[in-house]
């Protein structure tokens, strides 16, 4: 399987794992590491390098459902970013 690269605003994630049963998308910068999580106003979780504001991961809850319904995801980290599904 080819590595996946996901860009959301200025953030680039090079590791992604999707739990289809739970509809949760886990995005990471580099290999997953221990991090401090903070819930966004939209119900997702931003993961920061401990003691910093450097984003090292995102946990997107109901990712597929939201993309299917709205065509995009809204994530506040700490500024609001938007991601859209590619159109085919």
Protein backbone atom coordinates (compact mmCIF):
# COMPACT_ATOMS: atom_id res chain seq x y z
CA UNK A 1 0.00 0.00 0.00
CA UNK A 2 1.32 3.47 -0.92
CA UNK A 3 1.81 5.99 1.89
CA UNK A 4 -0.98 8.52 2.11
CA UNK A 5 -0.28 12.23 2.38
CA UNK A 6 -3.12 14.42 3.64
CA UNK A 7 -2.93 18.20 3.73
CA UNK A 8 -5.41 20.19 5.81
CA UNK A 9 -4.67 23.89 5.66
CA UNK A 10 -0.96 24.30 6.42
CA UNK A 11 -0.75 20.89 8.16
CA UNK A 12 0.63 17.88 6.29
CA UNK A 13 0.00 14.40 7.66
CA UNK A 14 1.99 11.51 6.22
CA UNK A 15 0.39 8.63 8.14
CA UNK A 16 -3.31 7.81 8.12
CA UNK A 17 -5.34 4.99 9.65
CA UNK A 18 -9.08 4.62 9.18
CA UNK A 19 -11.37 2.61 11.45
CA UNK A 20 -14.32 1.95 9.13
CA UNK A 21 -16.46 0.34 11.83
CA UNK A 22 -16.14 3.37 14.13
CA UNK A 23 -15.83 5.89 11.25
CA UNK A 24 -12.73 7.42 12.82
CA UNK A 25 -9.79 8.73 10.79
CA UNK A 26 -6.44 8.99 12.57
CA UNK A 27 -3.91 11.32 10.94
CA UNK A 28 -0.29 11.61 12.11
CA UNK A 29 2.80 13.66 11.32
CA UNK A 30 5.45 10.94 11.20
CA UNK A 31 4.97 7.76 13.19
CA UNK A 32 2.27 7.97 15.89
CA UNK A 33 3.74 9.15 19.22
CA UNK A 34 2.43 9.94 22.69
CA UNK A 35 0.74 13.31 22.54
CA UNK A 36 -1.60 15.59 24.45
CA UNK A 37 -5.12 15.72 23.02
CA UNK A 38 -7.52 18.62 22.94
CA UNK A 39 -11.09 18.36 21.69
CA UNK A 40 -12.11 20.79 18.97
CA UNK A 41 -15.47 22.60 18.95
CA UNK A 42 -16.52 20.17 16.17
CA UNK A 43 -15.85 17.09 18.35
CA UNK A 44 -12.55 15.98 16.78
CA UNK A 45 -9.27 15.68 18.72
CA UNK A 46 -6.11 17.64 17.93
CA UNK A 47 -2.96 15.96 19.21
CA UNK A 48 -0.01 18.16 20.24
CA UNK A 49 3.60 17.32 20.98
CA UNK A 50 3.71 17.38 24.81
CA UNK A 51 4.41 20.85 26.19
CA UNK A 52 4.07 22.55 22.79
CA UNK A 53 1.44 23.72 20.33
CA UNK A 54 3.02 21.63 17.52
CA UNK A 55 0.28 19.49 15.96
CA UNK A 56 1.40 15.87 15.56
CA UNK A 57 -1.98 14.29 14.88
CA UNK A 58 -5.71 14.60 14.37
CA UNK A 59 -8.46 12.18 15.28
CA UNK A 60 -11.47 12.88 13.07
CA UNK A 61 -14.72 11.49 14.46
CA UNK A 62 -17.44 10.48 11.93
CA UNK A 63 -15.08 11.45 9.10
CA UNK A 64 -16.83 9.56 6.27
CA UNK A 65 -20.32 10.45 7.50
CA UNK A 66 -19.47 14.16 7.62
CA UNK A 67 -17.79 14.09 4.19
CA UNK A 68 -20.77 12.25 2.69
CA UNK A 69 -23.24 14.64 4.30
CA UNK A 70 -21.41 17.98 3.96
CA UNK A 71 -18.69 17.33 1.38
CA UNK A 72 -16.11 18.71 3.81
CA UNK A 73 -14.72 18.54 7.34
CA UNK A 74 -14.33 21.58 9.57
CA UNK A 75 -11.52 21.38 12.14
CA UNK A 76 -10.44 24.11 14.56
CA UNK A 77 -6.70 23.67 15.36
CA UNK A 78 -6.44 26.41 16.91
CA UNK A 79 -7.56 28.24 13.79
CA UNK A 80 -10.40 26.86 11.66
CA UNK A 81 -9.25 24.69 8.74
CA UNK A 82 -11.34 23.04 6.03
CA UNK A 83 -10.77 19.82 4.11
CA UNK A 84 -12.83 18.62 1.13
CA UNK A 85 -13.12 15.22 -0.45
CA UNK A 86 -11.68 15.01 -3.96
CA UNK A 87 -14.33 15.02 -6.67
CA UNK A 88 -14.31 12.18 -9.17
